[in-house]
Amino acid sequence: MPFLELLDIEAVANSSDEVRLKMAWREQLCTTAGVMHGGAIMSLADTAGAMCAFLNLPEGTGTTTIESKTNFFRAVRGGSVEAVARPLHAGRTIVVVETDIVDDAGKRVARVTQTQAVLQPRS
């Protein structure tokens, strides 16, 4: 996934039960006062959620995000963040994934719930 390279995201674990991705704080990902931009955090969560959804798809299908909701709990001013994505529902037409973003101390930075449509192959 080229977007992983752009954000310098490291894949830590990758299975249908759990996807873990890590992204280091860096100045280019910040707003004012050295705080990691919420969009960067959401990009990490969306990427982890999409990977988790993909790993839970019926064979021969694809996926696309149709809804994503983010709650932010704390700022990130250094270190790194890790996304931990787990499927809540993997069905014929949708996959729902919940992703926690945690900081180096293991404290929750954000929680993202994402709904992915299951795309059937075109004939």
PDB file of N, CA and C in Angstrom:
ATOM      1  N   MET A   1       0.854  -1.176   0.000  1.00  0.00           N
ATOM      2  CA  MET A   1       0.000   0.000   0.000  1.00  0.00           C
ATOM      3  C   MET A   1       0.904   1.244   0.000  1.00  0.00           C
ATOM      4  N   PRO A   2       0.935   2.002  -1.090  1.00  0.00           N
ATOM      5  CA  PRO A   2       1.829   3.171  -1.193  1.00  0.00           C
ATOM      6  C   PRO A   2       1.613   4.218  -0.102  1.00  0.00           C
ATOM      7  N   PHE A   3       0.382   4.369   0.388  1.00  0.00           N
ATOM      8  CA  PHE A   3       0.096   5.370   1.411  1.00  0.00           C
ATOM      9  C   PHE A   3       0.880   5.105   2.693  1.00  0.00           C
ATOM     10  N   LEU A   4       1.167   3.823   2.978  1.00  0.00           N
ATOM     11  CA  LEU A   4       1.978   3.472   4.144  1.00  0.00           C
ATOM     12  C   LEU A   4       3.344   4.144   4.063  1.00  0.00           C
ATOM     13  N   GLU A   5       3.925   4.131   2.879  1.00  0.00           N
ATOM     14  CA  GLU A   5       5.242   4.740   2.690  1.00  0.00           C
ATOM     15  C   GLU A   5       5.185   6.252   2.872  1.00  0.00           C
ATOM     16  N   LEU A   6       4.148   6.886   2.333  1.00  0.00           N
ATOM     17  CA  LEU A   6       4.021   8.335   2.428  1.00  0.00           C
ATOM     18  C   LEU A   6       3.984   8.795   3.889  1.00  0.00           C
ATOM     19  N   LEU A   7       3.225   8.094   4.722  1.00  0.00           N
ATOM     20  CA  LEU A   7       3.112   8.454   6.138  1.00  0.00           C
ATOM     21  C   LEU A   7       4.167   7.769   7.009  1.00  0.00           C
ATOM     22  N   ASP A   8       5.011   6.941   6.394  1.00  0.00           N
ATOM     23  CA  ASP A   8       6.048   6.199   7.106  1.00  0.00           C
ATOM     24  C   ASP A   8       5.433   5.329   8.196  1.00  0.00           C
ATOM     25  N   ILE A   9       4.412   4.560   7.807  1.00  0.00           N
ATOM     26  CA  ILE A   9       3.700   3.662   8.721  1.00  0.00           C
ATOM     27  C   ILE A   9       4.357   2.287   8.682  1.00  0.00           C
ATOM     28  N   GLU A  10       4.569   1.739   9.872  1.00  0.00           N
ATOM     29  CA  GLU A  10       5.174   0.417  10.016  1.00  0.00           C
ATOM     30  C   GLU A  10       4.092  -0.611  10.345  1.00  0.00           C
ATOM     31  N   ALA A  11       4.070  -1.715   9.597  1.00  0.00           N
ATOM     32  CA  ALA A  11       3.149  -2.809   9.908  1.00  0.00           C
ATOM     33  C   ALA A  11       3.755  -3.638  11.037  1.00  0.00           C
ATOM     34  N   VAL A  12       3.010  -3.779  12.137  1.00  0.00           N
ATOM     35  CA  VAL A  12       3.470  -4.529  13.304  1.00  0.00           C
ATOM     36  C   VAL A  12       2.873  -5.932  13.300  1.00  0.00           C
ATOM     37  N   ALA A  13       1.568  -6.051  13.011  1.00  0.00           N
ATOM     38  CA  ALA A  13       0.871  -7.336  12.953  1.00  0.00           C
ATOM     39  C   ALA A  13      -0.229  -7.227  11.909  1.00  0.00           C
ATOM     40  N   ASN A  14      -0.519  -8.334  11.258  1.00  0.00           N
ATOM     41  CA  ASN A  14      -1.469  -8.296  10.151  1.00  0.00           C
ATOM     42  C   ASN A  14      -2.189  -9.637  10.044  1.00  0.00           C
ATOM     43  N   SER A  15      -3.344  -9.761  10.694  1.00  0.00           N
ATOM     44  CA  SER A  15      -4.145 -10.978  10.588  1.00  0.00           C
ATOM     45  C   SER A  15      -5.619 -10.583  10.528  1.00  0.00           C
ATOM     46  N   SER A  16      -6.476 -11.525  10.231  1.00  0.00           N
ATOM     47  CA  SER A  16      -7.909 -11.225  10.153  1.00  0.00           C
ATOM     48  C   SER A  16      -8.487 -10.841  11.513  1.00  0.00           C
ATOM     49  N   ASP A  17      -7.847 -11.272  12.603  1.00  0.00           N
ATOM     50  CA  ASP A  17      -8.312 -10.950  13.958  1.00  0.00           C
ATOM     51  C   ASP A  17      -7.815  -9.603  14.459  1.00  0.00           C
ATOM     52  N   GLU A  18      -6.635  -9.170  13.978  1.00  0.00           N
ATOM     53  CA  GLU A  18      -6.066  -7.926  14.488  1.00  0.00           C
ATOM     54  C   GLU A  18      -4.989  -7.402  13.537  1.00  0.00           C
ATOM     55  N   VAL A  19      -5.103  -6.112  13.243  1.00  0.00           N
ATOM     56  CA  VAL A  19      -4.079  -5.409  12.470  1.00  0.00           C
ATOM     57  C   VAL A  19      -3.478  -4.349  13.379  1.00  0.00           C
ATOM     58  N   ARG A  20      -2.147  -4.286  13.422  1.00  0.00           N
ATOM     59  CA  ARG A  20      -1.441  -3.272  14.215  1.00  0.00           C
ATOM     60  C   ARG A  20      -0.484  -2.525  13.299  1.00  0.00           C
ATOM     61  N   LEU A  21      -0.638  -1.204  13.286  1.00  0.00           N
ATOM     62  CA  LEU A  21       0.239  -0.330  12.520  1.00  0.00           C
ATOM     63  C   LEU A  21       0.785   0.741  13.444  1.00  0.00           C
ATOM     64  N   LYS A  22       2.013   1.183  13.194  1.00  0.00           N
ATOM     65  CA  LYS A  22       2.657   2.176  14.053  1.00  0.00           C
ATOM     66  C   LYS A  22       3.147   3.347  13.202  1.00  0.00           C
ATOM     67  N   MET A  23       2.982   4.558  13.753  1.00  0.00           N
ATOM     68  CA  MET A  23       3.435   5.765  13.068  1.00  0.00           C
ATOM     69  C   MET A  23       4.122   6.680  14.071  1.00  0.00           C
ATOM     70  N   ALA A  24       5.329   7.109  13.733  1.00  0.00           N
ATOM     71  CA  ALA A  24       6.095   7.982  14.618  1.00  0.00           C
ATOM     72  C   ALA A  24       5.634   9.428  14.477  1.00  0.00           C
ATOM     73  N   TRP A  25       5.670  10.142  15.607  1.00  0.00           N
ATOM     74  CA  TRP A  25       5.444  11.585  15.605  1.00  0.00           C
ATOM     75  C   TRP A  25       6.580  12.214  14.810  1.00  0.00           C
ATOM     76  N   ARG A  26       6.258  13.172  13.975  1.00  0.00           N
ATOM     77  CA  ARG A  26       7.273  13.992  13.327  1.00  0.00           C
ATOM     78  C   ARG A  26       6.655  15.331  12.985  1.00  0.00           C
ATOM     79  N   GLU A  27       7.476  16.337  12.896  1.00  0.00           N
ATOM     80  CA  GLU A  27       7.007  17.706  12.729  1.00  0.00           C
ATOM     81  C   GLU A  27       6.085  17.880  11.523  1.00  0.00           C
ATOM     82  N   GLN A  28       6.350  17.170  10.441  1.00  0.00           N
ATOM     83  CA  GLN A  28       5.535  17.299   9.222  1.00  0.00           C
ATOM     84  C   GLN A  28       4.094  16.828   9.427  1.00  0.00           C
ATOM     85  N   LEU A  29       3.834  16.088  10.490  1.00  0.00           N
ATOM     86  CA  LEU A  29       2.484  15.567  10.768  1.00  0.00           C
ATOM     87  C   LEU A  29       1.757  16.385  11.832  1.00  0.00           C
ATOM     88  N   CYS A  30       2.285  17.566  12.160  1.00  0.00           N
ATOM     89  CA  CYS A  30       1.749  18.338  13.286  1.00  0.00           C
ATOM     90  C   CYS A  30       0.988  19.584  12.874  1.00  0.00           C
ATOM     91  N   THR A  31       0.151  20.035  13.814  1.00  0.00           N
ATOM     92  CA  THR A  31      -0.497  21.342  13.728  1.00  0.00           C
ATOM     93  C   THR A  31       0.375  22.293  14.544  1.00  0.00           C
ATOM     94  N   THR A  32      -0.222  23.241  15.238  1.00  0.00           N
ATOM     95  CA  THR A  32       0.544  24.161  16.078  1.00  0.00           C
ATOM     96  C   THR A  32       0.989  23.481  17.360  1.00  0.00           C
ATOM     97  N   ALA A  33       1.993  24.033  17.983  1.00  0.00           N
ATOM     98  CA  ALA A  33       2.503  23.570  19.279  1.00  0.00           C
ATOM     99  C   ALA A  33       2.976  22.114  19.268  1.00  0.00           C
ATOM    100  N   GLY A  34       3.341  21.602  18.100  1.00  0.00           N
ATOM    101  CA  GLY A  34       3.882  20.254  18.021  1.00  0.00           C
ATOM    102  C   GLY A  34       2.903  19.140  18.281  1.00  0.00           C
ATOM    103  N   VAL A  35       1.614  19.392  18.070  1.00  0.00           N
ATOM    104  CA  VAL A  35       0.578  18.369  18.277  1.00  0.00           C
ATOM    105  C   VAL A  35       0.311  17.640  16.962  1.00  0.00           C
ATOM    106  N   MET A  36       0.352  16.296  17.007  1.00  0.00           N
ATOM    107  CA  MET A  36       0.081  15.503  15.812  1.00  0.00           C
ATOM    108  C   MET A  36      -1.317  15.827  15.291  1.00  0.00           C
ATOM    109  N   HIS A  37      -1.406  16.087  14.002  1.00  0.00           N
ATOM    110  CA  HIS A  37      -2.663  16.456  13.352  1.00  0.00           C
ATOM    111  C   HIS A  37      -3.667  15.305  13.422  1.00  0.00           C
ATOM    112  N   GLY A  38      -4.915  15.645  13.733  1.00  0.00           N
ATOM    113  CA  GLY A  38      -5.971  14.637  13.788  1.00  0.00           C
ATOM    114  C   GLY A  38      -6.134  13.900  12.473  1.00  0.00           C
ATOM    115  N   GLY A  39      -5.898  14.580  11.358  1.00  0.00           N
ATOM    116  CA  GLY A  39      -6.001  13.925  10.049  1.00  0.00           C
ATOM    117  C   GLY A  39      -4.950  12.846   9.866  1.00  0.00           C
ATOM    118  N   ALA A  40      -3.760  13.055  10.426  1.00  0.00           N
ATOM    119  CA  ALA A  40      -2.719  12.028  10.355  1.00  0.00           C
ATOM    120  C   ALA A  40      -3.134  10.808  11.177  1.00  0.00           C
ATOM    121  N   ILE A  41      -3.689  11.069  12.365  1.00  0.00           N
ATOM    122  CA  ILE A  41      -4.158   9.978  13.221  1.00  0.00           C
ATOM    123  C   ILE A  41      -5.305   9.231  12.540  1.00  0.00           C
ATOM    124  N   MET A  42      -6.232   9.980  11.926  1.00  0.00           N
ATOM    125  CA  MET A  42      -7.346   9.345  11.225  1.00  0.00           C
ATOM    126  C   MET A  42      -6.855   8.538  10.021  1.00  0.00           C
ATOM    127  N   SER A  43      -5.831   9.026   9.342  1.00  0.00           N
ATOM    128  CA  SER A  43      -5.263   8.283   8.205  1.00  0.00           C
ATOM    129  C   SER A  43      -4.678   6.956   8.659  1.00  0.00           C
ATOM    130  N   LEU A  44      -3.986   6.970   9.802  1.00  0.00           N
ATOM    131  CA  LEU A  44      -3.449   5.731  10.358  1.00  0.00           C
ATOM    132  C   LEU A  44      -4.578   4.763  10.680  1.00  0.00           C
ATOM    133  N   ALA A  45      -5.621   5.261  11.339  1.00  0.00           N
ATOM    134  CA  ALA A  45      -6.758   4.412  11.718  1.00  0.00           C
ATOM    135  C   ALA A  45      -7.486   3.878  10.493  1.00  0.00           C
ATOM    136  N   ASP A  46      -7.690   4.734   9.479  1.00  0.00           N
ATOM    137  CA  ASP A  46      -8.377   4.311   8.262  1.00  0.00           C
ATOM    138  C   ASP A  46      -7.591   3.226   7.542  1.00  0.00           C
ATOM    139  N   THR A  47      -6.283   3.372   7.518  1.00  0.00           N
ATOM    140  CA  THR A  47      -5.432   2.378   6.862  1.00  0.00           C
ATOM    141  C   THR A  47      -5.492   1.042   7.594  1.00  0.00           C
ATOM    142  N   ALA A  48      -5.395   1.074   8.916  1.00  0.00           N
ATOM    143  CA  ALA A  48      -5.479  -0.164   9.706  1.00  0.00           C
ATOM    144  C   ALA A  48      -6.853  -0.807   9.558  1.00  0.00           C
ATOM    145  N   GLY A  49      -7.917   0.026   9.607  1.00  0.00           N
ATOM    146  CA  GLY A  49      -9.272  -0.500   9.455  1.00  0.00           C
ATOM    147  C   GLY A  49      -9.501  -1.122   8.091  1.00  0.00           C
ATOM    148  N   ALA A  50      -9.000  -0.477   7.053  1.00  0.00           N
ATOM    149  CA  ALA A  50      -9.150  -1.011   5.696  1.00  0.00           C
ATOM    150  C   ALA A  50      -8.413  -2.343   5.545  1.00  0.00           C
ATOM    151  N   MET A  51      -7.215  -2.422   6.117  1.00  0.00           N
ATOM    152  CA  MET A  51      -6.469  -3.687   6.051  1.00  0.00           C
ATOM    153  C   MET A  51      -7.213  -4.798   6.783  1.00  0.00           C
ATOM    154  N   CYS A  52      -7.764  -4.464   7.960  1.00  0.00           N
ATOM    155  CA  CYS A  52      -8.518  -5.451   8.736  1.00  0.00           C
ATOM    156  C   CYS A  52      -9.763  -5.895   7.968  1.00  0.00           C
ATOM    157  N   ALA A  53     -10.468  -4.937   7.385  1.00  0.00           N
ATOM    158  CA  ALA A  53     -11.659  -5.277   6.591  1.00  0.00           C
ATOM    159  C   ALA A  53     -11.280  -6.179   5.426  1.00  0.00           C
ATOM    160  N   PHE A  54     -10.224  -5.812   4.713  1.00  0.00           N
ATOM    161  CA  PHE A  54      -9.780  -6.598   3.557  1.00  0.00           C
ATOM    162  C   PHE A  54      -9.490  -8.044   3.953  1.00  0.00           C
ATOM    163  N   LEU A  55      -8.862  -8.235   5.103  1.00  0.00           N
ATOM    164  CA  LEU A  55      -8.516  -9.581   5.567  1.00  0.00           C
ATOM    165  C   LEU A  55      -9.740 -10.374   6.024  1.00  0.00           C
ATOM    166  N   ASN A  56     -10.895  -9.713   6.134  1.00  0.00           N
ATOM    167  CA  ASN A  56     -12.131 -10.387   6.542  1.00  0.00           C
ATOM    168  C   ASN A  56     -13.166 -10.459   5.431  1.00  0.00           C
ATOM    169  N   LEU A  57     -12.762 -10.184   4.201  1.00  0.00           N
ATOM    170  CA  LEU A  57     -13.696 -10.210   3.068  1.00  0.00           C
ATOM    171  C   LEU A  57     -13.946 -11.620   2.570  1.00  0.00           C
ATOM    172  N   PRO A  58     -15.164 -11.861   2.041  1.00  0.00           N
ATOM    173  CA  PRO A  58     -15.387 -13.110   1.321  1.00  0.00           C
ATOM    174  C   PRO A  58     -14.460 -13.147   0.097  1.00  0.00           C
ATOM    175  N   GLU A  59     -14.027 -14.328  -0.275  1.00  0.00           N
ATOM    176  CA  GLU A  59     -13.093 -14.479  -1.393  1.00  0.00           C
ATOM    177  C   GLU A  59     -13.637 -13.839  -2.672  1.00  0.00           C
ATOM    178  N   GLY A  60     -12.761 -13.122  -3.360  1.00  0.00           N
ATOM    179  CA  GLY A  60     -13.103 -12.531  -4.648  1.00  0.00           C
ATOM    180  C   GLY A  60     -13.784 -11.176  -4.571  1.00  0.00           C
ATOM    181  N   THR A  61     -13.984 -10.646  -3.360  1.00  0.00           N
ATOM    182  CA  THR A  61     -14.658  -9.356  -3.217  1.00  0.00           C
ATOM    183  C   THR A  61     -13.644  -8.265  -2.880  1.00  0.00           C
ATOM    184  N   GLY A  62     -14.097  -7.034  -2.934  1.00  0.00           N
ATOM    185  CA  GLY A  62     -13.276  -5.887  -2.564  1.00  0.00           C
ATOM    186  C   GLY A  62     -13.988  -5.092  -1.493  1.00  0.00           C
ATOM    187  N   THR A  63     -13.441  -3.940  -1.140  1.00  0.00           N
ATOM    188  CA  THR A  63     -14.042  -3.132  -0.086  1.00  0.00           C
ATOM    189  C   THR A  63     -13.789  -1.652  -0.307  1.00  0.00           C
ATOM    190  N   THR A  64     -14.663  -0.845   0.271  1.00  0.00           N
ATOM    191  CA  THR A  64     -14.480   0.598   0.316  1.00  0.00           C
ATOM    192  C   THR A  64     -15.135   1.130   1.582  1.00  0.00           C
ATOM    193  N   THR A  65     -14.544   2.176   2.144  1.00  0.00           N
ATOM    194  CA  THR A  65     -15.105   2.779   3.357  1.00  0.00           C
ATOM    195  C   THR A  65     -16.382   3.540   3.013  1.00  0.00           C
ATOM    196  N   ILE A  66     -17.460   3.285   3.773  1.00  0.00           N
ATOM    197  CA  ILE A  66     -18.702   4.035   3.565  1.00  0.00           C
ATOM    198  C   ILE A  66     -19.040   4.917   4.770  1.00  0.00           C
ATOM    199  N   GLU A  67     -18.380   4.668   5.908  1.00  0.00           N
ATOM    200  CA  GLU A  67     -18.624   5.507   7.089  1.00  0.00           C
ATOM    201  C   GLU A  67     -17.448   5.349   8.036  1.00  0.00           C
ATOM    202  N   SER A  68     -17.058   6.463   8.672  1.00  0.00           N
ATOM    203  CA  SER A  68     -15.985   6.427   9.644  1.00  0.00           C
ATOM    204  C   SER A  68     -16.260   7.488  10.702  1.00  0.00           C
ATOM    205  N   LYS A  69     -16.167   7.090  11.968  1.00  0.00           N
ATOM    206  CA  LYS A  69     -16.407   8.008  13.077  1.00  0.00           C
ATOM    207  C   LYS A  69     -15.215   7.954  14.010  1.00  0.00           C
ATOM    208  N   THR A  70     -14.711   9.135  14.372  1.00  0.00           N
ATOM    209  CA  THR A  70     -13.531   9.233  15.233  1.00  0.00           C
ATOM    210  C   THR A  70     -13.855  10.024  16.496  1.00  0.00           C
ATOM    211  N   ASN A  71     -13.456   9.487  17.641  1.00  0.00           N
ATOM    212  CA  ASN A  71     -13.460  10.222  18.901  1.00  0.00           C
ATOM    213  C   ASN A  71     -12.008  10.406  19.322  1.00  0.00           C
ATOM    214  N   PHE A  72     -11.619  11.665  19.601  1.00  0.00           N
ATOM    215  CA  PHE A  72     -10.275  11.970  20.075  1.00  0.00           C
ATOM    216  C   PHE A  72     -10.305  12.167  21.581  1.00  0.00           C
ATOM    217  N   PHE A  73      -9.277  11.665  22.272  1.00  0.00           N
ATOM    218  CA  PHE A  73      -9.223  11.744  23.725  1.00  0.00           C
ATOM    219  C   PHE A  73      -8.023  12.510  24.270  1.00  0.00           C
ATOM    220  N   ARG A  74      -6.901  12.516  23.544  1.00  0.00           N
ATOM    221  CA  ARG A  74      -5.709  13.204  24.034  1.00  0.00           C
ATOM    222  C   ARG A  74      -4.810  13.565  22.862  1.00  0.00           C
ATOM    223  N   ALA A  75      -3.964  14.555  23.098  1.00  0.00           N
ATOM    224  CA  ALA A  75      -3.013  15.018  22.083  1.00  0.00           C
ATOM    225  C   ALA A  75      -1.753  14.146  22.087  1.00  0.00           C
ATOM    226  N   VAL A  76      -1.094  14.125  20.946  1.00  0.00           N
ATOM    227  CA  VAL A  76       0.184  13.424  20.818  1.00  0.00           C
ATOM    228  C   VAL A  76       1.238  14.474  20.490  1.00  0.00           C
ATOM    229  N   ARG A  77       2.252  14.585  21.356  1.00  0.00           N
ATOM    230  CA  ARG A  77       3.295  15.606  21.191  1.00  0.00           C
ATOM    231  C   ARG A  77       4.686  15.007  21.000  1.00  0.00           C
ATOM    232  N   GLY A  78       4.752  13.700  20.851  1.00  0.00           N
ATOM    233  CA  GLY A  78       6.038  13.046  20.648  1.00  0.00           C
ATOM    234  C   GLY A  78       5.861  11.543  20.617  1.00  0.00           C
ATOM    235  N   GLY A  79       6.963  10.841  20.427  1.00  0.00           N
ATOM    236  CA  GLY A  79       6.923   9.379  20.426  1.00  0.00           C
ATOM    237  C   GLY A  79       6.274   8.821  19.178  1.00  0.00           C
ATOM    238  N   SER A  80       5.332   7.931  19.374  1.00  0.00           N
ATOM    239  CA  SER A  80       4.628   7.313  18.246  1.00  0.00           C
ATOM    240  C   SER A  80       3.218   6.937  18.675  1.00  0.00           C
ATOM    241  N   VAL A  81       2.420   6.581  17.699  1.00  0.00           N
ATOM    242  CA  VAL A  81       1.072   6.074  17.954  1.00  0.00           C
ATOM    243  C   VAL A  81       0.931   4.729  17.257  1.00  0.00           C
ATOM    244  N   GLU A  82       0.126   3.879  17.853  1.00  0.00           N
ATOM    245  CA  GLU A  82      -0.137   2.566  17.271  1.00  0.00           C
ATOM    246  C   GLU A  82      -1.634   2.390  17.080  1.00  0.00           C
ATOM    247  N   ALA A  83      -2.007   1.913  15.909  1.00  0.00           N
ATOM    248  CA  ALA A  83      -3.400   1.585  15.609  1.00  0.00           C
ATOM    249  C   ALA A  83      -3.597   0.097  15.829  1.00  0.00           C
ATOM    250  N   VAL A  84      -4.655  -0.259  16.559  1.00  0.00           N
ATOM    251  CA  VAL A  84      -5.009  -1.654  16.796  1.00  0.00           C
ATOM    252  C   VAL A  84      -6.433  -1.833  16.279  1.00  0.00           C
ATOM    253  N   ALA A  85      -6.566  -2.493  15.120  1.00  0.00           N
ATOM    254  CA  ALA A  85      -7.862  -2.655  14.456  1.00  0.00           C
ATOM    255  C   ALA A  85      -8.352  -4.089  14.601  1.00  0.00           C
ATOM    256  N   ARG A  86      -9.641  -4.207  15.000  1.00  0.00           N
ATOM    257  CA  ARG A  86     -10.262  -5.526  15.163  1.00  0.00           C
ATOM    258  C   ARG A  86     -11.655  -5.513  14.535  1.00  0.00           C
ATOM    259  N   PRO A  87     -12.033  -6.609  13.897  1.00  0.00           N
ATOM    260  CA  PRO A  87     -13.375  -6.652  13.294  1.00  0.00           C
ATOM    261  C   PRO A  87     -14.453  -6.793  14.358  1.00  0.00           C
ATOM    262  N   LEU A  88     -15.531  -6.006  14.204  1.00  0.00           N
ATOM    263  CA  LEU A  88     -16.715  -6.166  15.058  1.00  0.00           C
ATOM    264  C   LEU A  88     -17.764  -7.024  14.359  1.00  0.00           C
ATOM    265  N   HIS A  89     -17.785  -6.925  13.020  1.00  0.00           N
ATOM    266  CA  HIS A  89     -18.747  -7.682  12.210  1.00  0.00           C
ATOM    267  C   HIS A  89     -18.154  -7.891  10.828  1.00  0.00           C
ATOM    268  N   ALA A  90     -18.188  -9.106  10.350  1.00  0.00           N
ATOM    269  CA  ALA A  90     -17.731  -9.414   8.989  1.00  0.00           C
ATOM    270  C   ALA A  90     -18.829 -10.204   8.302  1.00  0.00           C
ATOM    271  N   GLY A  91     -19.619  -9.500   7.506  1.00  0.00           N
ATOM    272  CA  GLY A  91     -20.759 -10.130   6.839  1.00  0.00           C
ATOM    273  C   GLY A  91     -20.629 -10.152   5.325  1.00  0.00           C
ATOM    274  N   ARG A  92     -21.726 -10.518   4.665  1.00  0.00           N
ATOM    275  CA  ARG A  92     -21.749 -10.594   3.203  1.00  0.00           C
ATOM    276  C   ARG A  92     -21.699  -9.230   2.544  1.00  0.00           C
ATOM    277  N   THR A  93     -22.290  -8.211   3.204  1.00  0.00           N
ATOM    278  CA  THR A  93     -22.410  -6.901   2.568  1.00  0.00           C
ATOM    279  C   THR A  93     -21.625  -5.790   3.256  1.00  0.00           C
ATOM    280  N   ILE A  94     -21.331  -5.961   4.536  1.00  0.00           N
ATOM    281  CA  ILE A  94     -20.526  -4.947   5.240  1.00  0.00           C
ATOM    282  C   ILE A  94     -19.546  -5.611   6.210  1.00  0.00           C
ATOM    283  N   VAL A  95     -18.469  -4.881   6.473  1.00  0.00           N
ATOM    284  CA  VAL A  95     -17.511  -5.242   7.512  1.00  0.00           C
ATOM    285  C   VAL A  95     -17.373  -4.013   8.393  1.00  0.00           C
ATOM    286  N   VAL A  96     -17.520  -4.190   9.722  1.00  0.00           N
ATOM    287  CA  VAL A  96     -17.363  -3.092  10.667  1.00  0.00           C
ATOM    288  C   VAL A  96     -16.108  -3.364  11.494  1.00  0.00           C
ATOM    289  N   VAL A  97     -15.246  -2.358  11.560  1.00  0.00           N
ATOM    290  CA  VAL A  97     -13.971  -2.492  12.264  1.00  0.00           C
ATOM    291  C   VAL A  97     -13.871  -1.391  13.314  1.00  0.00           C
ATOM    292  N   GLU A  98     -13.356  -1.750  14.479  1.00  0.00           N
ATOM    293  CA  GLU A  98     -13.076  -0.764  15.523  1.00  0.00           C
ATOM    294  C   GLU A  98     -11.562  -0.668  15.695  1.00  0.00           C
ATOM    295  N   THR A  99     -11.060   0.557  15.687  1.00  0.00           N
ATOM    296  CA  THR A  99      -9.619   0.783  15.787  1.00  0.00           C
ATOM    297  C   THR A  99      -9.325   1.707  16.955  1.00  0.00           C
ATOM    298  N   ASP A 100      -8.472   1.248  17.855  1.00  0.00           N
ATOM    299  CA  ASP A 100      -7.976   2.088  18.938  1.00  0.00           C
ATOM    300  C   ASP A 100      -6.612   2.614  18.536  1.00  0.00           C
ATOM    301  N   ILE A 101      -6.396   3.909  18.789  1.00  0.00           N
ATOM    302  CA  ILE A 101      -5.088   4.529  18.611  1.00  0.00           C
ATOM    303  C   ILE A 101      -4.536   4.777  20.004  1.00  0.00           C
ATOM    304  N   VAL A 102      -3.357   4.237  20.283  1.00  0.00           N
ATOM    305  CA  VAL A 102      -2.746   4.401  21.597  1.00  0.00           C
ATOM    306  C   VAL A 102      -1.367   5.034  21.454  1.00  0.00           C
ATOM    307  N   ASP A 103      -0.938   5.747  22.499  1.00  0.00           N
ATOM    308  CA  ASP A 103       0.392   6.362  22.496  1.00  0.00           C
ATOM    309  C   ASP A 103       1.410   5.392  23.083  1.00  0.00           C
ATOM    310  N   ASP A 104       2.652   5.855  23.216  1.00  0.00           N
ATOM    311  CA  ASP A 104       3.720   4.997  23.734  1.00  0.00           C
ATOM    312  C   ASP A 104       3.469   4.503  25.151  1.00  0.00           C
ATOM    313  N   ALA A 105       2.680   5.248  25.930  1.00  0.00           N
ATOM    314  CA  ALA A 105       2.352   4.843  27.303  1.00  0.00           C
ATOM    315  C   ALA A 105       1.153   3.886  27.341  1.00  0.00           C
ATOM    316  N   GLY A 106       0.601   3.560  26.166  1.00  0.00           N
ATOM    317  CA  GLY A 106      -0.563   2.681  26.117  1.00  0.00           C
ATOM    318  C   GLY A 106      -1.871   3.388  26.384  1.00  0.00           C
ATOM    319  N   LYS A 107      -1.847   4.727  26.438  1.00  0.00           N
ATOM    320  CA  LYS A 107      -3.074   5.492  26.690  1.00  0.00           C
ATOM    321  C   LYS A 107      -3.804   5.726  25.377  1.00  0.00           C
ATOM    322  N   ARG A 108      -5.132   5.596  25.439  1.00  0.00           N
ATOM    323  CA  ARG A 108      -5.952   5.760  24.241  1.00  0.00           C
ATOM    324  C   ARG A 108      -5.943   7.218  23.791  1.00  0.00           C
ATOM    325  N   VAL A 109      -5.576   7.427  22.554  1.00  0.00           N
ATOM    326  CA  VAL A 109      -5.562   8.742  21.908  1.00  0.00           C
ATOM    327  C   VAL A 109      -6.878   8.956  21.163  1.00  0.00           C
ATOM    328  N   ALA A 110      -7.363   7.908  20.513  1.00  0.00           N
ATOM    329  CA  ALA A 110      -8.591   8.001  19.722  1.00  0.00           C
ATOM    330  C   ALA A 110      -9.189   6.608  19.546  1.00  0.00           C
ATOM    331  N   ARG A 111     -10.479   6.601  19.221  1.00  0.00           N
ATOM    332  CA  ARG A 111     -11.166   5.361  18.829  1.00  0.00           C
ATOM    333  C   ARG A 111     -11.943   5.662  17.560  1.00  0.00           C
ATOM    334  N   VAL A 112     -11.791   4.768  16.592  1.00  0.00           N
ATOM    335  CA  VAL A 112     -12.436   4.939  15.290  1.00  0.00           C
ATOM    336  C   VAL A 112     -13.286   3.715  15.004  1.00  0.00           C
ATOM    337  N   THR A 113     -14.534   3.941  14.614  1.00  0.00           N
ATOM    338  CA  THR A 113     -15.406   2.866  14.156  1.00  0.00           C
ATOM    339  C   THR A 113     -15.664   3.115  12.683  1.00  0.00           C
ATOM    340  N   GLN A 114     -15.419   2.096  11.898  1.00  0.00           N
ATOM    341  CA  GLN A 114     -15.447   2.230  10.440  1.00  0.00           C
ATOM    342  C   GLN A 114     -16.325   1.143   9.833  1.00  0.00           C
ATOM    343  N   THR A 115     -17.155   1.540   8.880  1.00  0.00           N
ATOM    344  CA  THR A 115     -17.983   0.591   8.143  1.00  0.00           C
ATOM    345  C   THR A 115     -17.471   0.514   6.714  1.00  0.00           C
ATOM    346  N   GLN A 116     -17.237  -0.695   6.270  1.00  0.00           N
ATOM    347  CA  GLN A 116     -16.732  -0.945   4.920  1.00  0.00           C
ATOM    348  C   GLN A 116     -17.770  -1.748   4.138  1.00  0.00           C
ATOM    349  N   ALA A 117     -18.077  -1.287   2.938  1.00  0.00           N
ATOM    350  CA  ALA A 117     -18.966  -2.049   2.057  1.00  0.00           C
ATOM    351  C   ALA A 117     -18.174  -3.179   1.423  1.00  0.00           C
ATOM    352  N   VAL A 118     -18.824  -4.321   1.265  1.00  0.00           N
ATOM    353  CA  VAL A 118     -18.229  -5.442   0.538  1.00  0.00           C
ATOM    354  C   VAL A 118     -18.629  -5.282  -0.924  1.00  0.00           C
ATOM    355  N   LEU A 119     -17.644  -5.157  -1.799  1.00  0.00           N
ATOM    356  CA  LEU A 119     -17.886  -4.938  -3.225  1.00  0.00           C
ATOM    357  C   LEU A 119     -17.785  -6.265  -3.969  1.00  0.00           C
ATOM    358  N   GLN A 120     -18.850  -6.609  -4.660  1.00  0.00           N
ATOM    359  CA  GLN A 120     -18.875  -7.848  -5.451  1.00  0.00           C
ATOM    360  C   GLN A 120     -18.110  -7.645  -6.753  1.00  0.00           C
ATOM    361  N   PRO A 121     -17.501  -8.701  -7.270  1.00  0.00           N
ATOM    362  CA  PRO A 121     -16.764  -8.562  -8.526  1.00  0.00           C
ATOM    363  C   PRO A 121     -17.701  -8.177  -9.676  1.00  0.00           C
ATOM    364  N   ARG A 122     -17.185  -7.384 -10.595  1.00  0.00           N
ATOM    365  CA  ARG A 122     -17.974  -7.009 -11.781  1.00  0.00           C
ATOM    366  C   ARG A 122     -17.953  -8.143 -12.786  1.00  0.00           C
ATOM    367  N   SER A 123     -19.094  -8.352 -13.434  1.00  0.00           N
ATOM    368  CA  SER A 123     -19.148  -9.428 -14.440  1.00  0.00           C
ATOM    369  C   SER A 123     -18.630  -8.965 -15.767  1.00  0.00           C
TER     370      SER A 123
END
